N, C-alpha and C. Protein backbone atom coordinates (compact mmCIF):
# COMPACT_ATOMS: atom_id res chain seq x y z
N UNK A 1 0.84 -1.18 0.00
CA UNK A 1 0.00 0.00 0.00
C UNK A 1 0.87 1.23 0.00
N UNK A 2 0.53 2.19 -0.82
CA UNK A 2 1.27 3.44 -0.89
C UNK A 2 0.55 4.52 -0.09
N UNK A 3 1.17 4.96 0.97
CA UNK A 3 0.56 6.00 1.79
C UNK A 3 0.58 7.35 1.09
N UNK A 4 1.38 7.49 0.04
CA UNK A 4 1.46 8.76 -0.68
C UNK A 4 0.12 9.17 -1.27
N UNK A 5 -0.71 8.20 -1.58
CA UNK A 5 -1.99 8.48 -2.23
C UNK A 5 -3.13 8.71 -1.25
N UNK A 6 -2.85 8.59 0.05
CA UNK A 6 -3.90 8.70 1.07
C UNK A 6 -3.80 10.02 1.82
N UNK A 7 -4.95 10.49 2.31
CA UNK A 7 -4.90 11.67 3.18
C UNK A 7 -4.64 11.19 4.61
N UNK A 8 -4.51 12.13 5.53
CA UNK A 8 -4.15 11.79 6.91
C UNK A 8 -5.16 10.85 7.56
N UNK A 9 -6.43 11.12 7.38
CA UNK A 9 -7.46 10.28 7.99
C UNK A 9 -7.40 8.84 7.46
N UNK A 10 -7.18 8.70 6.17
CA UNK A 10 -7.10 7.36 5.57
C UNK A 10 -5.86 6.62 6.07
N UNK A 11 -4.78 7.33 6.29
CA UNK A 11 -3.56 6.70 6.82
C UNK A 11 -3.81 6.21 8.24
N UNK A 12 -4.49 7.01 9.06
CA UNK A 12 -4.80 6.60 10.44
C UNK A 12 -5.66 5.34 10.43
N UNK A 13 -6.66 5.29 9.54
CA UNK A 13 -7.52 4.10 9.44
C UNK A 13 -6.69 2.89 9.03
N UNK A 14 -5.80 3.06 8.06
CA UNK A 14 -4.97 1.95 7.58
C UNK A 14 -4.02 1.45 8.66
N UNK A 15 -3.41 2.37 9.42
CA UNK A 15 -2.52 1.97 10.52
C UNK A 15 -3.31 1.18 11.55
N UNK A 16 -4.52 1.64 11.87
CA UNK A 16 -5.36 0.91 12.81
C UNK A 16 -5.68 -0.50 12.33
N UNK A 17 -5.99 -0.63 11.04
CA UNK A 17 -6.27 -1.95 10.47
C UNK A 17 -5.05 -2.86 10.56
N UNK A 18 -3.89 -2.32 10.25
CA UNK A 18 -2.66 -3.11 10.28
C UNK A 18 -2.33 -3.57 11.70
N UNK A 19 -2.54 -2.69 12.67
CA UNK A 19 -2.29 -3.08 14.06
C UNK A 19 -3.26 -4.17 14.49
N UNK A 20 -4.52 -4.07 14.06
CA UNK A 20 -5.51 -5.10 14.39
C UNK A 20 -5.13 -6.44 13.74
N UNK A 21 -4.60 -6.39 12.52
CA UNK A 21 -4.14 -7.62 11.86
C UNK A 21 -3.00 -8.25 12.66
N UNK A 22 -2.05 -7.42 13.13
CA UNK A 22 -0.95 -7.94 13.96
C UNK A 22 -1.50 -8.63 15.20
N UNK A 23 -2.48 -8.00 15.84
CA UNK A 23 -3.07 -8.58 17.05
C UNK A 23 -3.69 -9.93 16.76
N UNK A 24 -4.45 -10.01 15.65
CA UNK A 24 -5.12 -11.26 15.33
C UNK A 24 -4.13 -12.34 14.89
N UNK A 25 -3.04 -11.94 14.20
CA UNK A 25 -2.00 -12.92 13.83
C UNK A 25 -1.35 -13.52 15.07
N UNK A 26 -1.23 -12.72 16.13
CA UNK A 26 -0.63 -13.20 17.38
C UNK A 26 -1.66 -13.91 18.25
N UNK A 27 -2.90 -13.98 17.75
CA UNK A 27 -4.00 -14.65 18.45
C UNK A 27 -4.24 -14.05 19.84
N UNK A 28 -4.24 -12.71 19.90
CA UNK A 28 -4.48 -12.00 21.15
C UNK A 28 -5.87 -11.40 21.13
N UNK A 29 -6.58 -11.53 22.24
CA UNK A 29 -7.86 -10.82 22.37
C UNK A 29 -7.54 -9.36 22.67
N UNK A 30 -8.54 -8.51 22.54
CA UNK A 30 -8.34 -7.10 22.86
C UNK A 30 -7.97 -6.95 24.34
N UNK A 31 -8.61 -7.75 25.20
CA UNK A 31 -8.30 -7.68 26.64
C UNK A 31 -6.87 -8.11 26.93
N UNK A 32 -6.39 -9.15 26.23
CA UNK A 32 -5.01 -9.59 26.43
C UNK A 32 -4.02 -8.53 25.96
N UNK A 33 -4.31 -7.93 24.83
CA UNK A 33 -3.42 -6.88 24.33
C UNK A 33 -3.45 -5.67 25.27
N UNK A 34 -4.60 -5.34 25.79
CA UNK A 34 -4.71 -4.23 26.73
C UNK A 34 -3.86 -4.49 27.97
N UNK A 35 -3.90 -5.72 28.45
CA UNK A 35 -3.10 -6.08 29.62
C UNK A 35 -1.61 -6.03 29.32
N UNK A 36 -1.20 -6.59 28.18
CA UNK A 36 0.22 -6.62 27.82
C UNK A 36 0.78 -5.23 27.53
N UNK A 37 -0.03 -4.37 26.90
CA UNK A 37 0.47 -3.07 26.46
C UNK A 37 0.23 -1.95 27.47
N UNK A 38 -0.73 -2.17 28.38
CA UNK A 38 -1.06 -1.10 29.31
C UNK A 38 -1.96 -0.04 28.70
N UNK A 39 -2.54 -0.34 27.56
CA UNK A 39 -3.44 0.58 26.87
C UNK A 39 -4.86 0.07 27.08
N UNK A 40 -5.77 0.96 27.37
CA UNK A 40 -7.15 0.57 27.65
C UNK A 40 -7.85 -0.05 26.44
N UNK A 41 -8.85 -0.88 26.73
CA UNK A 41 -9.59 -1.55 25.65
C UNK A 41 -10.33 -0.55 24.78
N UNK A 42 -10.85 0.51 25.39
CA UNK A 42 -11.56 1.53 24.61
C UNK A 42 -10.61 2.22 23.63
N UNK A 43 -9.39 2.50 24.09
CA UNK A 43 -8.40 3.12 23.22
C UNK A 43 -8.02 2.17 22.09
N UNK A 44 -7.82 0.90 22.42
CA UNK A 44 -7.48 -0.09 21.39
C UNK A 44 -8.59 -0.19 20.35
N UNK A 45 -9.83 -0.20 20.79
CA UNK A 45 -10.95 -0.28 19.86
C UNK A 45 -10.97 0.93 18.94
N UNK A 46 -10.70 2.13 19.50
CA UNK A 46 -10.63 3.34 18.67
C UNK A 46 -9.49 3.25 17.67
N UNK A 47 -8.35 2.72 18.09
CA UNK A 47 -7.20 2.58 17.19
C UNK A 47 -7.56 1.64 16.05
N UNK A 48 -8.13 0.50 16.36
CA UNK A 48 -8.45 -0.50 15.33
C UNK A 48 -9.46 0.04 14.33
N UNK A 49 -10.36 0.89 14.78
CA UNK A 49 -11.38 1.43 13.88
C UNK A 49 -10.91 2.70 13.17
N UNK A 50 -9.73 3.22 13.56
CA UNK A 50 -9.19 4.42 12.91
C UNK A 50 -9.83 5.70 13.37
N UNK A 51 -10.47 5.67 14.52
CA UNK A 51 -11.14 6.86 15.04
C UNK A 51 -10.23 7.54 16.06
N UNK A 52 -9.96 8.81 15.84
CA UNK A 52 -9.15 9.57 16.77
C UNK A 52 -7.66 9.37 16.54
N UNK A 53 -6.89 10.18 17.21
CA UNK A 53 -5.43 10.12 17.13
C UNK A 53 -4.87 9.45 18.37
N UNK A 54 -3.74 8.79 18.20
CA UNK A 54 -3.05 8.22 19.35
C UNK A 54 -1.67 8.84 19.43
N UNK A 55 -1.11 8.83 20.60
CA UNK A 55 0.23 9.36 20.77
C UNK A 55 1.26 8.32 20.32
N UNK A 56 2.47 8.77 20.12
CA UNK A 56 3.54 7.83 19.77
C UNK A 56 3.79 6.85 20.91
N UNK A 57 3.63 7.31 22.15
CA UNK A 57 3.80 6.42 23.31
C UNK A 57 2.79 5.28 23.25
N UNK A 58 1.55 5.61 22.89
CA UNK A 58 0.52 4.58 22.79
C UNK A 58 0.85 3.60 21.67
N UNK A 59 1.30 4.12 20.53
CA UNK A 59 1.68 3.25 19.41
C UNK A 59 2.82 2.31 19.82
N UNK A 60 3.81 2.85 20.51
CA UNK A 60 4.93 2.03 20.97
C UNK A 60 4.45 0.96 21.95
N UNK A 61 3.56 1.35 22.87
CA UNK A 61 3.03 0.39 23.86
C UNK A 61 2.27 -0.74 23.16
N UNK A 62 1.47 -0.39 22.15
CA UNK A 62 0.71 -1.41 21.42
C UNK A 62 1.66 -2.35 20.68
N UNK A 63 2.66 -1.79 20.00
CA UNK A 63 3.61 -2.64 19.27
C UNK A 63 4.40 -3.53 20.23
N UNK A 64 4.71 -3.02 21.42
CA UNK A 64 5.35 -3.86 22.44
C UNK A 64 4.42 -4.99 22.85
N UNK A 65 3.14 -4.67 22.98
CA UNK A 65 2.16 -5.66 23.41
C UNK A 65 2.01 -6.81 22.44
N UNK A 66 2.20 -6.54 21.14
CA UNK A 66 2.11 -7.62 20.14
C UNK A 66 3.50 -8.16 19.77
N UNK A 67 4.51 -7.74 20.53
CA UNK A 67 5.91 -8.18 20.29
C UNK A 67 6.38 -7.87 18.88
N UNK A 68 6.04 -6.70 18.38
CA UNK A 68 6.48 -6.29 17.05
C UNK A 68 7.03 -4.86 17.06
N UNK A 69 7.73 -4.50 18.11
CA UNK A 69 8.31 -3.17 18.20
C UNK A 69 9.33 -2.93 17.09
N UNK A 70 9.93 -4.01 16.58
CA UNK A 70 10.92 -3.85 15.51
C UNK A 70 10.30 -3.33 14.22
N UNK A 71 8.97 -3.29 14.10
CA UNK A 71 8.32 -2.72 12.92
C UNK A 71 8.67 -1.25 12.77
N UNK A 72 8.97 -0.58 13.88
CA UNK A 72 9.35 0.83 13.81
C UNK A 72 10.68 1.05 13.10
N UNK A 73 11.53 0.04 13.09
CA UNK A 73 12.82 0.18 12.41
C UNK A 73 12.64 0.44 10.93
N UNK A 74 11.56 -0.09 10.35
CA UNK A 74 11.32 0.13 8.92
C UNK A 74 10.99 1.58 8.61
N UNK A 75 10.52 2.31 9.61
CA UNK A 75 10.18 3.71 9.40
C UNK A 75 11.45 4.54 9.20
N UNK A 76 12.51 4.14 9.86
CA UNK A 76 13.72 4.94 9.88
C UNK A 76 14.89 4.32 9.14
N UNK A 77 14.62 3.58 8.10
CA UNK A 77 15.68 2.96 7.31
C UNK A 77 16.39 4.05 6.50
N UNK A 78 17.70 4.10 6.63
CA UNK A 78 18.47 5.07 5.87
C UNK A 78 19.16 4.36 4.72
N UNK A 79 19.09 4.99 3.57
CA UNK A 79 19.72 4.41 2.39
C UNK A 79 21.23 4.61 2.46
N UNK A 80 21.95 3.57 2.15
CA UNK A 80 23.40 3.65 2.11
C UNK A 80 23.81 4.15 0.72
N UNK A 81 24.62 5.17 0.70
CA UNK A 81 25.09 5.73 -0.55
C UNK A 81 26.46 5.14 -0.84
N UNK A 82 26.61 4.60 -2.04
CA UNK A 82 27.90 4.01 -2.42
C UNK A 82 28.91 5.11 -2.70
N UNK A 83 30.07 4.95 -2.14
CA UNK A 83 31.17 5.88 -2.38
C UNK A 83 32.34 5.07 -2.95
N UNK A 84 32.80 5.38 -4.16
CA UNK A 84 33.89 4.61 -4.74
C UNK A 84 35.18 4.71 -3.93
N UNK A 85 35.33 5.77 -3.16
CA UNK A 85 36.52 5.93 -2.34
C UNK A 85 36.35 5.34 -0.94
N UNK A 86 35.16 4.84 -0.67
CA UNK A 86 34.91 4.24 0.63
C UNK A 86 34.70 5.27 1.73
N UNK A 87 34.48 6.51 1.34
CA UNK A 87 34.28 7.57 2.33
C UNK A 87 32.83 8.03 2.27
N UNK A 88 32.14 7.85 3.34
CA UNK A 88 30.78 8.35 3.45
C UNK A 88 30.77 9.52 4.41
N UNK A 89 30.29 10.64 3.95
CA UNK A 89 30.24 11.82 4.79
C UNK A 89 29.11 11.68 5.80
N UNK A 90 29.37 12.05 7.05
CA UNK A 90 28.27 12.02 8.04
C UNK A 90 27.26 13.11 7.72
N UNK A 91 26.02 12.90 8.14
CA UNK A 91 24.99 13.91 7.92
C UNK A 91 25.31 15.17 8.71
N UNK A 92 25.00 16.31 8.12
CA UNK A 92 25.21 17.57 8.81
C UNK A 92 24.19 17.73 9.91
N UNK A 93 24.61 18.36 11.01
CA UNK A 93 23.70 18.58 12.12
C UNK A 93 22.78 19.76 11.86
N UNK A 94 23.26 20.72 11.11
CA UNK A 94 22.46 21.89 10.79
C UNK A 94 22.41 22.06 9.28
N UNK A 95 21.28 22.49 8.81
CA UNK A 95 21.10 22.72 7.39
C UNK A 95 20.97 24.22 7.18
N UNK A 96 21.84 24.76 6.37
CA UNK A 96 21.80 26.18 6.03
C UNK A 96 21.51 26.29 4.54
N UNK A 97 20.50 27.05 4.22
CA UNK A 97 20.18 27.27 2.81
C UNK A 97 20.60 28.68 2.45
N UNK A 98 21.30 28.80 1.34
CA UNK A 98 21.74 30.11 0.89
C UNK A 98 20.57 30.87 0.29
N UNK A 99 20.50 32.13 0.63
CA UNK A 99 19.44 32.97 0.10
C UNK A 99 19.86 33.45 -1.29
N UNK A 100 18.99 33.21 -2.24
CA UNK A 100 19.28 33.63 -3.61
C UNK A 100 18.75 35.03 -3.79
N UNK A 101 19.67 35.93 -4.15
CA UNK A 101 19.27 37.31 -4.35
C UNK A 101 18.70 37.48 -5.75
N UNK A 102 17.55 38.08 -5.83
CA UNK A 102 16.92 38.34 -7.11
C UNK A 102 17.28 39.76 -7.54
N UNK A 103 17.64 39.95 -8.83
CA UNK A 103 17.96 41.30 -9.30
C UNK A 103 16.72 42.19 -9.25
N UNK A 104 16.96 43.47 -8.93
CA UNK A 104 15.85 44.42 -8.83
C UNK A 104 15.68 45.14 -10.16
N UNK A 105 14.56 45.01 -10.76
CA UNK A 105 14.16 45.74 -11.97
C UNK A 105 15.34 46.12 -12.87
N UNK A 106 16.04 45.13 -13.35
CA UNK A 106 17.19 45.36 -14.21
C UNK A 106 16.72 45.55 -15.64
N UNK A 107 17.26 46.58 -16.31
CA UNK A 107 16.99 46.74 -17.75
C UNK A 107 18.33 46.96 -18.42
N UNK A 108 18.43 46.42 -19.61
CA UNK A 108 19.68 46.56 -20.36
C UNK A 108 19.95 47.99 -20.71
N UNK A 109 21.20 48.39 -20.52
CA UNK A 109 21.63 49.73 -20.92
C UNK A 109 21.39 50.78 -19.89
N UNK A 110 20.95 50.44 -18.73
CA UNK A 110 20.67 51.47 -17.73
C UNK A 110 21.95 52.06 -17.14
N UNK A 111 23.07 51.35 -17.31
CA UNK A 111 24.32 51.86 -16.76
C UNK A 111 25.04 52.80 -17.72
N UNK A 112 24.51 53.03 -18.92
CA UNK A 112 25.13 53.91 -19.92
C UNK A 112 24.61 55.33 -19.73
N UNK A 113 25.57 56.24 -19.60
CA UNK A 113 25.19 57.66 -19.45
C UNK A 113 24.77 58.22 -20.80
N UNK A 114 23.73 58.99 -20.79
CA UNK A 114 23.27 59.58 -22.05
C UNK A 114 23.72 60.97 -22.18
């Protein structure tokens, strides 16, 4: 599934569905998952149905409850760039963008004295 084609609400619904699939694959009832994760059954039901927002802490707790916390690693996969010299530059800590100056109302020949 490509999340690029979905709006925010559709993504939340899809994440809820995927978490519910994980729960059912692990053969956990909602009550068992609530006990393992420390998240209430009402919250879990809202997550599975895609209603409302959850915090990252709640998402982490749920993934811990289904023993799939490693799914988060896929979110932060960094691409390795091949360097023929074997030197990979570390990422910069700060990003500075140069301001491009636009010329002000320039017309040809304005510098010629008449």
